[in-house]
N, C-alpha and C. Protein backbone atom coordinates (compact mmCIF):
# COMPACT_ATOMS: atom_id res chain seq x y z
N MET A 1 -13.20 -14.31 -12.35
CA MET A 1 -12.17 -14.12 -11.25
C MET A 1 -11.79 -15.57 -10.56
N ASN A 2 -10.64 -15.79 -10.41
CA ASN A 2 -10.21 -17.06 -9.79
C ASN A 2 -10.76 -17.27 -8.36
N ARG A 3 -10.95 -18.49 -8.09
CA ARG A 3 -11.73 -18.70 -6.72
C ARG A 3 -10.88 -18.20 -5.60
N PHE A 4 -9.55 -18.16 -5.72
CA PHE A 4 -8.82 -17.82 -4.45
C PHE A 4 -8.81 -16.24 -4.31
N LEU A 5 -9.49 -15.49 -5.29
CA LEU A 5 -9.57 -14.04 -4.97
C LEU A 5 -11.10 -13.72 -4.96
N LEU A 6 -11.92 -14.65 -4.86
CA LEU A 6 -13.35 -14.38 -4.56
C LEU A 6 -13.42 -13.88 -3.15
N PRO A 7 -14.45 -13.09 -2.85
CA PRO A 7 -14.76 -12.61 -1.52
C PRO A 7 -14.77 -13.88 -0.56
N LEU A 8 -14.09 -13.97 0.54
CA LEU A 8 -13.87 -15.14 1.26
C LEU A 8 -15.13 -15.70 1.88
N ALA A 9 -16.20 -14.90 2.08
CA ALA A 9 -17.41 -15.34 2.71
C ALA A 9 -18.41 -15.56 1.60
N ALA A 10 -18.10 -15.69 0.40
CA ALA A 10 -19.06 -15.80 -0.75
C ALA A 10 -19.96 -16.87 -0.53
N ALA A 11 -19.31 -17.96 -0.09
CA ALA A 11 -20.09 -19.27 -0.04
C ALA A 11 -20.97 -19.23 1.19
N GLY A 12 -20.91 -18.24 2.09
CA GLY A 12 -21.70 -18.25 3.24
C GLY A 12 -21.21 -19.08 4.29
N ILE A 13 -20.08 -19.80 4.23
CA ILE A 13 -19.45 -20.78 5.21
C ILE A 13 -18.11 -20.38 5.24
N VAL A 14 -17.66 -20.04 6.42
CA VAL A 14 -16.15 -19.71 6.63
C VAL A 14 -15.74 -20.43 7.74
N ALA A 15 -14.70 -21.23 7.42
CA ALA A 15 -14.05 -22.02 8.57
C ALA A 15 -13.12 -21.09 9.45
N VAL A 16 -13.40 -21.23 10.66
CA VAL A 16 -12.50 -20.38 11.57
C VAL A 16 -11.43 -21.21 12.21
N PRO A 17 -10.20 -20.93 11.70
CA PRO A 17 -9.09 -21.84 12.26
C PRO A 17 -8.89 -21.67 13.77
N ALA A 18 -8.34 -22.67 14.41
CA ALA A 18 -8.00 -22.63 15.76
C ALA A 18 -6.80 -21.70 15.94
N ALA A 19 -6.72 -21.18 17.17
CA ALA A 19 -5.61 -20.16 17.42
C ALA A 19 -4.25 -20.66 17.08
N ALA A 20 -4.09 -21.96 17.41
CA ALA A 20 -2.78 -22.59 17.15
C ALA A 20 -2.45 -22.73 15.57
N GLN A 21 -3.52 -22.99 14.87
CA GLN A 21 -3.40 -23.08 13.37
C GLN A 21 -3.10 -21.74 12.88
N VAL A 22 -3.84 -20.75 13.31
CA VAL A 22 -3.57 -19.42 12.86
C VAL A 22 -2.05 -19.01 13.03
N ASN A 23 -1.59 -19.17 14.25
CA ASN A 23 -0.19 -18.96 14.65
C ASN A 23 0.79 -19.60 13.60
N ALA A 24 0.38 -20.89 13.34
CA ALA A 24 1.29 -21.67 12.58
C ALA A 24 1.25 -21.23 11.12
N ASP A 25 0.23 -20.77 10.67
CA ASP A 25 0.06 -20.22 9.30
C ASP A 25 0.61 -18.93 9.24
N LEU A 26 0.62 -18.04 10.17
CA LEU A 26 1.37 -16.81 10.12
C LEU A 26 2.82 -16.93 10.08
N ALA A 27 3.23 -17.95 10.83
CA ALA A 27 4.72 -18.26 10.96
C ALA A 27 5.18 -18.95 9.62
N ALA A 28 4.36 -19.62 8.95
CA ALA A 28 4.63 -20.24 7.65
C ALA A 28 4.76 -19.16 6.64
N VAL A 29 3.96 -18.17 6.72
CA VAL A 29 4.02 -16.93 5.77
C VAL A 29 5.34 -16.16 6.02
N GLN A 30 5.57 -15.99 7.29
CA GLN A 30 6.86 -15.28 7.69
C GLN A 30 8.03 -16.04 7.07
N ARG A 31 8.18 -17.39 7.22
CA ARG A 31 9.11 -18.20 6.66
C ARG A 31 9.26 -18.08 5.27
N HIS A 32 8.16 -18.12 4.47
CA HIS A 32 8.08 -18.00 3.06
C HIS A 32 8.67 -16.65 2.61
N LEU A 33 8.17 -15.55 3.19
CA LEU A 33 8.72 -14.19 2.85
C LEU A 33 10.18 -14.13 3.12
N ALA A 34 10.75 -14.71 4.28
CA ALA A 34 12.16 -14.68 4.56
C ALA A 34 13.02 -15.58 3.67
N SER A 35 12.50 -16.66 3.16
CA SER A 35 13.21 -17.57 2.30
C SER A 35 13.22 -17.15 0.77
N VAL A 36 12.41 -16.34 0.37
CA VAL A 36 12.35 -15.86 -1.04
C VAL A 36 13.24 -14.69 -1.19
N GLU A 37 14.34 -14.83 -1.83
CA GLU A 37 15.27 -13.76 -2.22
C GLU A 37 14.99 -13.12 -3.41
N THR A 38 14.47 -13.89 -4.49
CA THR A 38 14.07 -13.39 -5.71
C THR A 38 12.87 -14.22 -6.25
N MET A 39 12.10 -13.51 -7.06
CA MET A 39 10.94 -14.23 -7.67
C MET A 39 10.59 -13.44 -9.07
N THR A 40 10.23 -14.31 -9.99
CA THR A 40 9.82 -13.75 -11.30
C THR A 40 8.49 -14.58 -11.58
N ALA A 41 7.58 -13.82 -12.27
CA ALA A 41 6.19 -14.44 -12.48
C ALA A 41 5.52 -13.58 -13.57
N ALA A 42 4.68 -14.07 -14.28
CA ALA A 42 3.66 -13.36 -15.06
C ALA A 42 2.60 -12.80 -14.25
N PHE A 43 2.11 -11.58 -14.52
CA PHE A 43 1.03 -11.04 -13.62
C PHE A 43 -0.08 -10.47 -14.39
N SER A 44 -1.33 -10.58 -13.89
CA SER A 44 -2.48 -9.96 -14.39
C SER A 44 -3.03 -8.89 -13.33
N GLN A 45 -3.14 -7.63 -13.82
CA GLN A 45 -3.57 -6.73 -12.84
C GLN A 45 -5.03 -6.22 -13.24
N THR A 46 -5.83 -6.20 -12.18
CA THR A 46 -7.20 -5.71 -12.45
C THR A 46 -7.43 -4.54 -11.45
N ASP A 47 -7.86 -3.44 -12.01
CA ASP A 47 -8.05 -2.15 -11.16
C ASP A 47 -9.59 -2.14 -10.67
N ARG A 48 -9.89 -1.05 -9.92
CA ARG A 48 -11.35 -0.97 -9.52
C ARG A 48 -12.32 -0.83 -10.53
N ASN A 49 -11.86 -0.41 -11.76
CA ASN A 49 -12.80 -0.08 -12.92
C ASN A 49 -12.87 -1.41 -13.72
N GLY A 50 -12.20 -2.53 -13.35
CA GLY A 50 -12.27 -3.70 -14.11
C GLY A 50 -11.24 -3.79 -15.22
N GLN A 51 -10.50 -2.76 -15.43
CA GLN A 51 -9.44 -2.78 -16.49
C GLN A 51 -8.35 -3.82 -16.19
N VAL A 52 -8.06 -4.62 -17.19
CA VAL A 52 -6.98 -5.67 -16.96
C VAL A 52 -5.79 -5.30 -17.62
N LEU A 53 -4.55 -5.38 -16.99
CA LEU A 53 -3.33 -5.27 -17.84
C LEU A 53 -2.49 -6.40 -17.35
N THR A 54 -1.49 -6.91 -18.22
CA THR A 54 -0.73 -7.98 -17.95
C THR A 54 0.86 -7.56 -18.16
N GLY A 55 1.62 -8.48 -17.62
CA GLY A 55 3.10 -8.10 -17.80
C GLY A 55 3.92 -9.13 -16.90
N THR A 56 5.12 -8.71 -16.61
CA THR A 56 6.12 -9.57 -15.97
C THR A 56 6.47 -8.90 -14.73
N LEU A 57 6.48 -9.63 -13.67
CA LEU A 57 6.90 -9.13 -12.25
C LEU A 57 8.25 -9.75 -12.04
N THR A 58 9.15 -8.91 -11.49
CA THR A 58 10.45 -9.29 -11.09
C THR A 58 10.65 -8.72 -9.66
N LEU A 59 11.10 -9.58 -8.78
CA LEU A 59 11.27 -9.06 -7.32
C LEU A 59 12.64 -9.66 -6.82
N LYS A 60 13.30 -8.64 -6.10
CA LYS A 60 14.63 -9.08 -5.40
C LYS A 60 14.68 -8.34 -4.08
N LYS A 61 14.92 -9.05 -3.03
CA LYS A 61 15.01 -8.51 -1.69
C LYS A 61 16.51 -8.15 -1.36
N PRO A 62 16.49 -7.05 -0.63
CA PRO A 62 15.48 -6.18 -0.14
C PRO A 62 14.99 -5.01 -0.97
N GLY A 63 13.77 -4.84 -1.15
CA GLY A 63 13.39 -3.60 -1.71
C GLY A 63 13.21 -3.41 -3.12
N LYS A 64 13.62 -4.39 -3.96
CA LYS A 64 13.62 -4.29 -5.38
C LYS A 64 12.37 -5.08 -6.04
N ILE A 65 11.65 -4.26 -6.88
CA ILE A 65 10.65 -4.91 -7.67
C ILE A 65 10.39 -4.24 -8.93
N ARG A 66 9.87 -4.92 -10.00
CA ARG A 66 9.76 -4.21 -11.22
C ARG A 66 8.40 -4.88 -11.79
N PHE A 67 7.45 -4.14 -12.15
CA PHE A 67 6.27 -4.38 -12.89
C PHE A 67 6.40 -3.93 -14.42
N GLN A 68 6.77 -4.89 -15.26
CA GLN A 68 7.00 -4.60 -16.68
C GLN A 68 5.64 -4.91 -17.39
N TYR A 69 4.99 -3.85 -17.79
CA TYR A 69 3.68 -4.03 -18.42
C TYR A 69 3.75 -4.57 -19.84
N GLN A 70 2.70 -5.08 -20.33
CA GLN A 70 2.65 -5.57 -21.70
C GLN A 70 2.90 -4.52 -22.85
N LYS A 71 3.44 -4.95 -23.87
CA LYS A 71 3.74 -3.99 -24.93
C LYS A 71 2.74 -3.09 -25.34
N GLY A 72 2.96 -1.82 -25.43
CA GLY A 72 2.05 -0.85 -25.80
C GLY A 72 1.38 -0.17 -24.58
N VAL A 73 1.72 -0.62 -23.28
CA VAL A 73 1.26 0.04 -22.05
C VAL A 73 2.45 0.94 -21.67
N PRO A 74 2.29 2.25 -21.60
CA PRO A 74 3.41 3.09 -21.31
C PRO A 74 3.63 3.36 -19.89
N LEU A 75 3.41 2.23 -19.11
CA LEU A 75 3.54 2.40 -17.68
C LEU A 75 4.61 1.50 -17.14
N LEU A 76 5.36 1.99 -16.03
CA LEU A 76 6.29 1.15 -15.39
C LEU A 76 6.30 1.46 -13.87
N ILE A 77 6.43 0.44 -13.13
CA ILE A 77 6.65 0.54 -11.63
C ILE A 77 7.85 -0.23 -11.20
N VAL A 78 8.85 0.59 -10.46
CA VAL A 78 10.03 0.02 -10.05
C VAL A 78 10.40 0.35 -8.68
N GLY A 79 10.86 -0.60 -8.01
CA GLY A 79 11.30 -0.31 -6.55
C GLY A 79 12.83 -0.56 -6.68
N ASP A 80 13.57 0.41 -6.18
CA ASP A 80 15.07 0.25 -6.40
C ASP A 80 15.81 -0.08 -5.09
N GLY A 81 15.11 -0.47 -4.07
CA GLY A 81 15.67 -0.77 -2.79
C GLY A 81 15.36 0.28 -1.73
N LYS A 82 15.00 1.53 -2.08
CA LYS A 82 14.63 2.50 -1.22
C LYS A 82 13.29 3.08 -1.51
N ALA A 83 12.91 3.29 -2.81
CA ALA A 83 11.62 3.97 -3.11
C ALA A 83 10.92 3.21 -4.24
N LEU A 84 9.62 3.27 -4.33
CA LEU A 84 8.93 2.92 -5.39
C LEU A 84 8.64 4.07 -6.43
N THR A 85 8.86 3.76 -7.74
CA THR A 85 8.68 4.87 -8.58
C THR A 85 7.70 4.44 -9.66
N PHE A 86 6.64 5.32 -9.89
CA PHE A 86 5.68 5.02 -10.90
C PHE A 86 5.89 5.85 -12.07
N ILE A 87 6.13 5.45 -13.29
CA ILE A 87 6.41 6.14 -14.38
C ILE A 87 5.38 5.99 -15.51
N ASP A 88 4.82 7.11 -15.99
CA ASP A 88 3.85 7.18 -17.11
C ASP A 88 4.55 7.78 -18.28
N TYR A 89 5.08 7.00 -19.15
CA TYR A 89 5.75 7.62 -20.32
C TYR A 89 4.94 8.39 -21.21
N SER A 90 3.52 8.10 -21.27
CA SER A 90 2.72 8.82 -22.29
C SER A 90 2.71 10.18 -21.79
N VAL A 91 2.73 10.63 -20.57
CA VAL A 91 2.63 12.05 -20.23
C VAL A 91 4.00 12.46 -19.52
N ARG A 92 5.01 11.66 -19.52
CA ARG A 92 6.27 11.96 -18.97
C ARG A 92 6.27 12.29 -17.55
N GLN A 93 5.42 11.58 -16.77
CA GLN A 93 5.25 11.88 -15.45
C GLN A 93 5.94 10.74 -14.54
N VAL A 94 6.42 11.29 -13.46
CA VAL A 94 7.13 10.29 -12.39
C VAL A 94 6.68 10.69 -11.09
N GLN A 95 6.22 9.55 -10.32
CA GLN A 95 5.92 9.71 -9.00
C GLN A 95 6.76 8.74 -8.16
N ARG A 96 7.17 9.23 -6.98
CA ARG A 96 8.04 8.38 -6.22
C ARG A 96 7.71 8.53 -4.72
N TRP A 97 7.72 7.36 -3.99
CA TRP A 97 7.37 7.41 -2.51
C TRP A 97 8.12 6.27 -1.91
N PRO A 98 8.46 6.35 -0.55
CA PRO A 98 9.10 5.31 0.15
C PRO A 98 8.54 3.97 0.12
N ILE A 99 9.33 2.96 -0.07
CA ILE A 99 8.60 1.57 -0.25
C ILE A 99 7.89 1.27 1.01
N GLY A 100 8.38 1.78 2.30
CA GLY A 100 7.78 1.42 3.46
C GLY A 100 6.30 2.08 3.64
N ASN A 101 6.02 2.95 2.68
CA ASN A 101 4.71 3.76 2.77
C ASN A 101 3.71 3.01 1.87
N SER A 102 4.13 1.78 1.26
CA SER A 102 3.24 1.11 0.41
C SER A 102 3.00 -0.28 1.01
N PRO A 103 1.74 -0.66 0.49
CA PRO A 103 1.33 -2.09 0.89
C PRO A 103 2.37 -3.24 0.45
N LEU A 104 3.08 -2.83 -0.58
CA LEU A 104 4.00 -3.81 -1.10
C LEU A 104 5.38 -3.94 -0.22
N GLY A 105 5.41 -3.06 0.83
CA GLY A 105 6.54 -3.13 1.72
C GLY A 105 6.69 -4.58 2.38
N VAL A 106 5.47 -5.20 2.67
CA VAL A 106 5.45 -6.40 3.34
C VAL A 106 6.08 -7.51 2.46
N LEU A 107 6.14 -7.36 1.18
CA LEU A 107 6.73 -8.45 0.34
C LEU A 107 8.24 -8.16 0.14
N LEU A 108 8.65 -6.87 0.32
CA LEU A 108 10.01 -6.49 -0.06
C LEU A 108 11.02 -6.37 1.13
N ASP A 109 10.38 -6.48 2.39
CA ASP A 109 11.25 -6.41 3.59
C ASP A 109 11.36 -7.68 4.22
N PRO A 110 12.35 -8.59 4.18
CA PRO A 110 12.33 -9.79 4.85
C PRO A 110 12.44 -9.74 6.38
N ASN A 111 12.80 -8.60 6.90
CA ASN A 111 12.81 -8.47 8.26
C ASN A 111 11.57 -8.02 9.07
N ARG A 112 10.57 -7.66 8.34
CA ARG A 112 9.39 -7.16 9.01
C ARG A 112 8.64 -8.36 9.81
N ASP A 113 8.27 -8.01 11.06
CA ASP A 113 7.53 -8.98 11.85
C ASP A 113 6.17 -9.02 11.67
N LEU A 114 5.63 -10.02 10.87
CA LEU A 114 4.16 -10.01 10.46
C LEU A 114 3.33 -10.08 11.72
N SER A 115 3.64 -10.55 12.81
CA SER A 115 2.84 -10.78 13.99
C SER A 115 2.41 -9.44 14.48
N LYS A 116 3.16 -8.37 14.14
CA LYS A 116 2.76 -7.09 14.70
C LYS A 116 1.67 -6.33 13.98
N PHE A 117 1.44 -6.73 12.63
CA PHE A 117 0.53 -5.96 11.69
C PHE A 117 -0.24 -6.79 10.69
N ALA A 118 -0.11 -8.16 10.88
CA ALA A 118 -0.81 -8.90 9.98
C ALA A 118 -1.70 -10.06 10.66
N LYS A 119 -2.68 -10.49 10.02
CA LYS A 119 -3.65 -11.51 10.58
C LYS A 119 -3.95 -12.47 9.48
N VAL A 120 -4.39 -13.73 9.80
CA VAL A 120 -4.83 -14.74 8.89
C VAL A 120 -6.36 -14.58 8.67
N VAL A 121 -6.77 -14.43 7.39
CA VAL A 121 -8.13 -14.24 7.03
C VAL A 121 -8.66 -15.58 6.85
N PRO A 122 -9.83 -15.96 7.63
CA PRO A 122 -10.35 -17.27 7.49
C PRO A 122 -10.83 -17.55 6.04
N SER A 123 -10.69 -18.80 5.63
CA SER A 123 -10.88 -19.21 4.24
C SER A 123 -11.71 -20.47 4.28
N PRO A 124 -12.75 -20.65 3.29
CA PRO A 124 -13.36 -21.93 3.33
C PRO A 124 -12.63 -22.96 2.68
N ASN A 125 -11.55 -22.63 1.95
CA ASN A 125 -10.72 -23.46 1.23
C ASN A 125 -9.49 -23.81 2.06
N PRO A 126 -9.25 -25.06 2.51
CA PRO A 126 -8.06 -25.35 3.37
C PRO A 126 -6.79 -25.35 2.56
N ALA A 127 -6.85 -25.29 1.28
CA ALA A 127 -5.65 -25.27 0.44
C ALA A 127 -5.20 -23.89 0.16
N VAL A 128 -6.03 -22.84 0.60
CA VAL A 128 -5.75 -21.49 0.39
C VAL A 128 -5.33 -20.85 1.76
N LEU A 129 -4.38 -19.93 1.89
CA LEU A 129 -4.05 -19.20 3.00
C LEU A 129 -3.95 -17.81 2.66
N SER A 130 -4.77 -16.97 3.33
CA SER A 130 -4.75 -15.50 3.06
C SER A 130 -4.30 -14.85 4.33
N VAL A 131 -3.58 -13.77 4.15
CA VAL A 131 -3.02 -13.02 5.24
C VAL A 131 -3.17 -11.47 4.83
N GLU A 132 -3.84 -10.78 5.80
CA GLU A 132 -4.08 -9.28 5.55
C GLU A 132 -3.03 -8.60 6.45
N ALA A 133 -2.26 -7.63 5.73
CA ALA A 133 -1.28 -6.73 6.48
C ALA A 133 -1.78 -5.32 6.44
N TYR A 134 -1.73 -4.80 7.65
CA TYR A 134 -2.42 -3.41 7.72
C TYR A 134 -1.65 -2.79 9.02
N ASP A 135 -1.10 -1.71 8.86
CA ASP A 135 -0.41 -0.87 10.01
C ASP A 135 -1.51 0.10 10.40
N ALA A 136 -2.04 -0.24 11.65
CA ALA A 136 -3.11 0.71 12.22
C ALA A 136 -2.62 1.97 12.49
N LYS A 137 -1.29 2.11 12.75
CA LYS A 137 -0.71 3.52 13.09
C LYS A 137 -0.50 4.32 11.92
N HIS A 138 -0.50 3.61 10.67
CA HIS A 138 -0.37 4.42 9.52
C HIS A 138 -1.42 3.85 8.39
N PRO A 139 -2.60 4.34 8.60
CA PRO A 139 -3.74 3.86 7.68
C PRO A 139 -3.52 4.43 6.28
N GLU A 140 -2.74 5.52 6.14
CA GLU A 140 -2.51 6.13 4.84
C GLU A 140 -1.60 5.26 3.98
N TYR A 141 -0.91 4.20 4.57
CA TYR A 141 -0.22 3.21 3.83
C TYR A 141 -1.04 2.21 3.05
N GLY A 142 -2.32 2.12 3.37
CA GLY A 142 -3.30 1.07 2.87
C GLY A 142 -3.10 -0.36 3.46
N ARG A 143 -3.65 -1.21 2.75
CA ARG A 143 -3.59 -2.60 3.33
C ARG A 143 -3.46 -3.48 2.02
N ILE A 144 -2.90 -4.71 2.38
CA ILE A 144 -2.68 -5.82 1.36
C ILE A 144 -3.17 -7.13 1.86
N THR A 145 -3.80 -7.87 1.10
CA THR A 145 -4.09 -9.27 1.42
C THR A 145 -3.34 -10.25 0.51
N LEU A 146 -2.42 -10.95 1.00
CA LEU A 146 -1.55 -11.87 0.33
C LEU A 146 -2.33 -13.21 0.21
N VAL A 147 -2.37 -13.74 -0.90
CA VAL A 147 -3.17 -14.98 -1.14
C VAL A 147 -2.15 -16.17 -1.54
N PHE A 148 -1.98 -17.10 -0.75
CA PHE A 148 -1.14 -18.21 -0.98
C PHE A 148 -1.92 -19.52 -1.15
N GLN A 149 -1.31 -20.44 -1.98
CA GLN A 149 -1.81 -21.82 -2.13
C GLN A 149 -0.63 -22.71 -1.44
N ARG A 150 -1.23 -23.66 -0.68
CA ARG A 150 -0.35 -24.57 0.03
C ARG A 150 0.33 -25.53 -0.99
N SER A 151 1.63 -25.52 -1.10
CA SER A 151 2.25 -26.44 -1.99
C SER A 151 3.65 -26.79 -1.45
N ALA A 152 3.68 -28.16 -1.36
CA ALA A 152 4.91 -28.68 -0.78
C ALA A 152 6.25 -28.38 -1.45
N SER A 153 6.17 -28.00 -2.65
CA SER A 153 7.29 -27.75 -3.52
C SER A 153 7.74 -26.32 -3.51
N ALA A 154 6.94 -25.38 -2.84
CA ALA A 154 7.30 -24.00 -2.90
C ALA A 154 7.89 -23.69 -1.64
N PRO A 155 8.50 -22.63 -1.51
CA PRO A 155 9.29 -22.11 -0.24
C PRO A 155 8.37 -22.02 0.96
N ALA A 156 8.81 -22.70 1.97
CA ALA A 156 7.97 -22.89 3.26
C ALA A 156 6.70 -23.52 3.01
N GLY A 157 6.51 -24.20 1.89
CA GLY A 157 5.27 -24.84 1.68
C GLY A 157 4.13 -23.99 1.15
N LEU A 158 4.46 -22.69 0.59
CA LEU A 158 3.46 -21.78 0.17
C LEU A 158 3.86 -21.20 -1.15
N LEU A 159 2.81 -21.04 -2.03
CA LEU A 159 3.06 -20.43 -3.39
C LEU A 159 2.24 -19.30 -3.37
N LEU A 160 2.86 -18.09 -3.66
CA LEU A 160 2.15 -16.79 -3.66
C LEU A 160 1.47 -16.69 -5.05
N ASN A 161 0.09 -16.75 -4.98
CA ASN A 161 -0.79 -16.65 -6.03
C ASN A 161 -1.18 -15.24 -6.47
N GLY A 162 -1.02 -14.28 -5.49
CA GLY A 162 -1.30 -12.89 -5.85
C GLY A 162 -1.74 -12.23 -4.58
N TRP A 163 -2.38 -10.96 -4.82
CA TRP A 163 -2.72 -10.16 -3.66
C TRP A 163 -3.78 -9.16 -4.05
N VAL A 164 -4.41 -8.65 -3.12
CA VAL A 164 -5.35 -7.55 -3.29
C VAL A 164 -4.89 -6.47 -2.50
N ALA A 165 -4.67 -5.27 -3.06
CA ALA A 165 -4.13 -4.02 -2.34
C ALA A 165 -5.23 -3.10 -2.30
N LEU A 166 -5.41 -2.35 -1.20
CA LEU A 166 -6.43 -1.31 -1.01
C LEU A 166 -5.66 -0.13 -0.49
N ASP A 167 -5.74 1.03 -1.31
CA ASP A 167 -5.05 2.17 -0.89
C ASP A 167 -5.91 2.96 0.10
N SER A 168 -5.26 4.07 0.64
CA SER A 168 -6.02 4.95 1.57
C SER A 168 -7.29 5.51 1.08
N GLN A 169 -7.43 5.63 -0.37
CA GLN A 169 -8.49 6.17 -0.85
C GLN A 169 -9.53 5.16 -1.32
N GLY A 170 -9.24 3.93 -0.88
CA GLY A 170 -10.19 2.82 -1.13
C GLY A 170 -10.15 2.27 -2.57
N ASN A 171 -9.11 2.58 -3.26
CA ASN A 171 -8.83 2.04 -4.68
C ASN A 171 -8.26 0.65 -4.49
N ARG A 172 -8.92 -0.34 -5.25
CA ARG A 172 -8.56 -1.64 -5.03
C ARG A 172 -7.94 -2.12 -6.34
N THR A 173 -6.85 -2.84 -6.07
CA THR A 173 -6.01 -3.40 -7.21
C THR A 173 -5.82 -4.91 -6.94
N THR A 174 -6.11 -5.75 -7.95
CA THR A 174 -5.92 -7.31 -7.73
C THR A 174 -4.86 -7.73 -8.61
N ILE A 175 -3.88 -8.48 -8.06
CA ILE A 175 -2.73 -8.95 -8.83
C ILE A 175 -2.93 -10.49 -8.85
N ARG A 176 -2.88 -11.19 -9.87
CA ARG A 176 -2.74 -12.58 -9.95
C ARG A 176 -1.48 -13.04 -10.61
N LEU A 177 -0.73 -14.03 -10.01
CA LEU A 177 0.51 -14.54 -10.54
C LEU A 177 0.34 -15.78 -11.15
N THR A 178 1.20 -16.13 -12.27
CA THR A 178 1.39 -17.41 -12.79
C THR A 178 2.83 -17.59 -13.11
N GLY A 179 3.20 -18.92 -13.29
CA GLY A 179 4.54 -19.09 -13.64
C GLY A 179 5.71 -18.72 -12.77
N GLN A 180 5.38 -18.80 -11.37
CA GLN A 180 6.33 -18.29 -10.39
C GLN A 180 7.57 -19.15 -10.31
N LYS A 181 8.65 -18.33 -10.34
CA LYS A 181 9.97 -19.01 -10.21
C LYS A 181 10.67 -18.26 -8.93
N PHE A 182 11.40 -19.01 -8.07
CA PHE A 182 11.86 -18.50 -6.93
C PHE A 182 13.45 -18.65 -6.90
N ASN A 183 14.12 -17.63 -6.48
CA ASN A 183 15.59 -17.63 -6.05
C ASN A 183 16.51 -17.99 -7.12
N ALA A 184 16.14 -17.63 -8.35
CA ALA A 184 17.12 -17.54 -9.42
C ALA A 184 17.76 -16.21 -9.51
N PRO A 185 19.09 -16.27 -10.00
CA PRO A 185 19.78 -14.94 -10.04
C PRO A 185 18.97 -13.85 -10.83
N VAL A 186 19.07 -12.68 -10.36
CA VAL A 186 18.38 -11.48 -10.92
C VAL A 186 19.42 -10.25 -10.83
N SER A 187 19.64 -9.74 -11.95
CA SER A 187 20.73 -8.63 -11.98
C SER A 187 20.08 -7.39 -11.29
N ASP A 188 20.81 -6.50 -10.66
CA ASP A 188 20.37 -5.33 -10.10
C ASP A 188 20.01 -4.29 -11.31
N GLY A 189 20.60 -4.56 -12.41
CA GLY A 189 20.23 -3.73 -13.63
C GLY A 189 18.75 -3.88 -14.00
N THR A 190 18.14 -4.95 -13.62
CA THR A 190 16.74 -5.08 -13.92
C THR A 190 15.81 -3.91 -13.32
N PHE A 191 16.34 -3.32 -12.35
CA PHE A 191 15.47 -2.24 -11.57
C PHE A 191 15.91 -0.84 -11.89
N ARG A 192 16.64 -0.66 -13.03
CA ARG A 192 16.95 0.66 -13.55
C ARG A 192 15.74 1.10 -14.56
N TRP A 193 15.66 2.32 -14.79
CA TRP A 193 14.59 2.83 -15.71
C TRP A 193 14.98 4.13 -16.19
N ASN A 194 14.41 4.46 -17.43
CA ASN A 194 14.71 5.59 -18.08
C ASN A 194 13.66 6.73 -17.69
N ASP A 195 14.31 7.92 -17.33
CA ASP A 195 13.45 8.93 -16.89
C ASP A 195 12.97 9.79 -17.99
N PRO A 196 11.57 9.82 -18.31
CA PRO A 196 11.08 10.53 -19.44
C PRO A 196 11.29 12.01 -19.23
N ARG A 197 11.39 12.50 -18.13
CA ARG A 197 11.64 13.97 -17.90
C ARG A 197 12.91 14.40 -18.48
N ARG A 198 14.04 13.58 -18.60
CA ARG A 198 15.23 13.98 -19.17
C ARG A 198 15.11 14.16 -20.67
N GLN A 199 14.29 13.27 -21.16
CA GLN A 199 13.86 13.33 -22.64
C GLN A 199 13.26 14.70 -23.03
N GLU A 200 12.42 15.08 -22.05
CA GLU A 200 11.81 16.40 -22.21
C GLU A 200 12.63 17.62 -22.19
N ARG A 201 13.51 17.52 -21.25
CA ARG A 201 14.49 18.57 -21.09
C ARG A 201 15.38 18.70 -22.31
N ALA A 202 15.83 17.51 -22.72
CA ALA A 202 16.67 17.34 -23.89
C ALA A 202 16.10 17.94 -25.17
N GLY A 203 14.74 17.73 -25.16
CA GLY A 203 14.01 18.23 -26.39
C GLY A 203 13.87 19.69 -26.42
């Protein structure tokens, strides 16, 4: 596991930032999220059982995201601007829920005010900035911890290295990103998908 996703207190020494620094860090994350209109990256996904899947992530705000898994994995996750859809082509199953009900909503809505539901997580590494987002009024939405690396060449000086999502059932999913590219043109057609249920009815 990469060091930026290790438990933050693993070293036994956690630096506690001053309040002013915490506020500045949260503002920087807000600026980063507001300035990123599109992003593409390779991803590695690890679930609670340690299973690892890889693929390509494409994001376009507001509300659009696509997790295209590696060849041979019959799964697809697509956000079309309104809802997130999980498709399992192996069993022709489709699940759909509002983007705002998902931890990923914080990445996809540039207008959300982080100060109302997010906090900086103390880190022993000054080059790493972690922010946990959690809506106490809706614990069923789960929580997400975004992990950034400070980088002068990235939007608002922050490079999104990945995140850890925890759903309301306690299922933990870790995403690591590499090869991040920001604000290149992305077609809306990227977020279309084939419905396996139509194939079933046609058969």
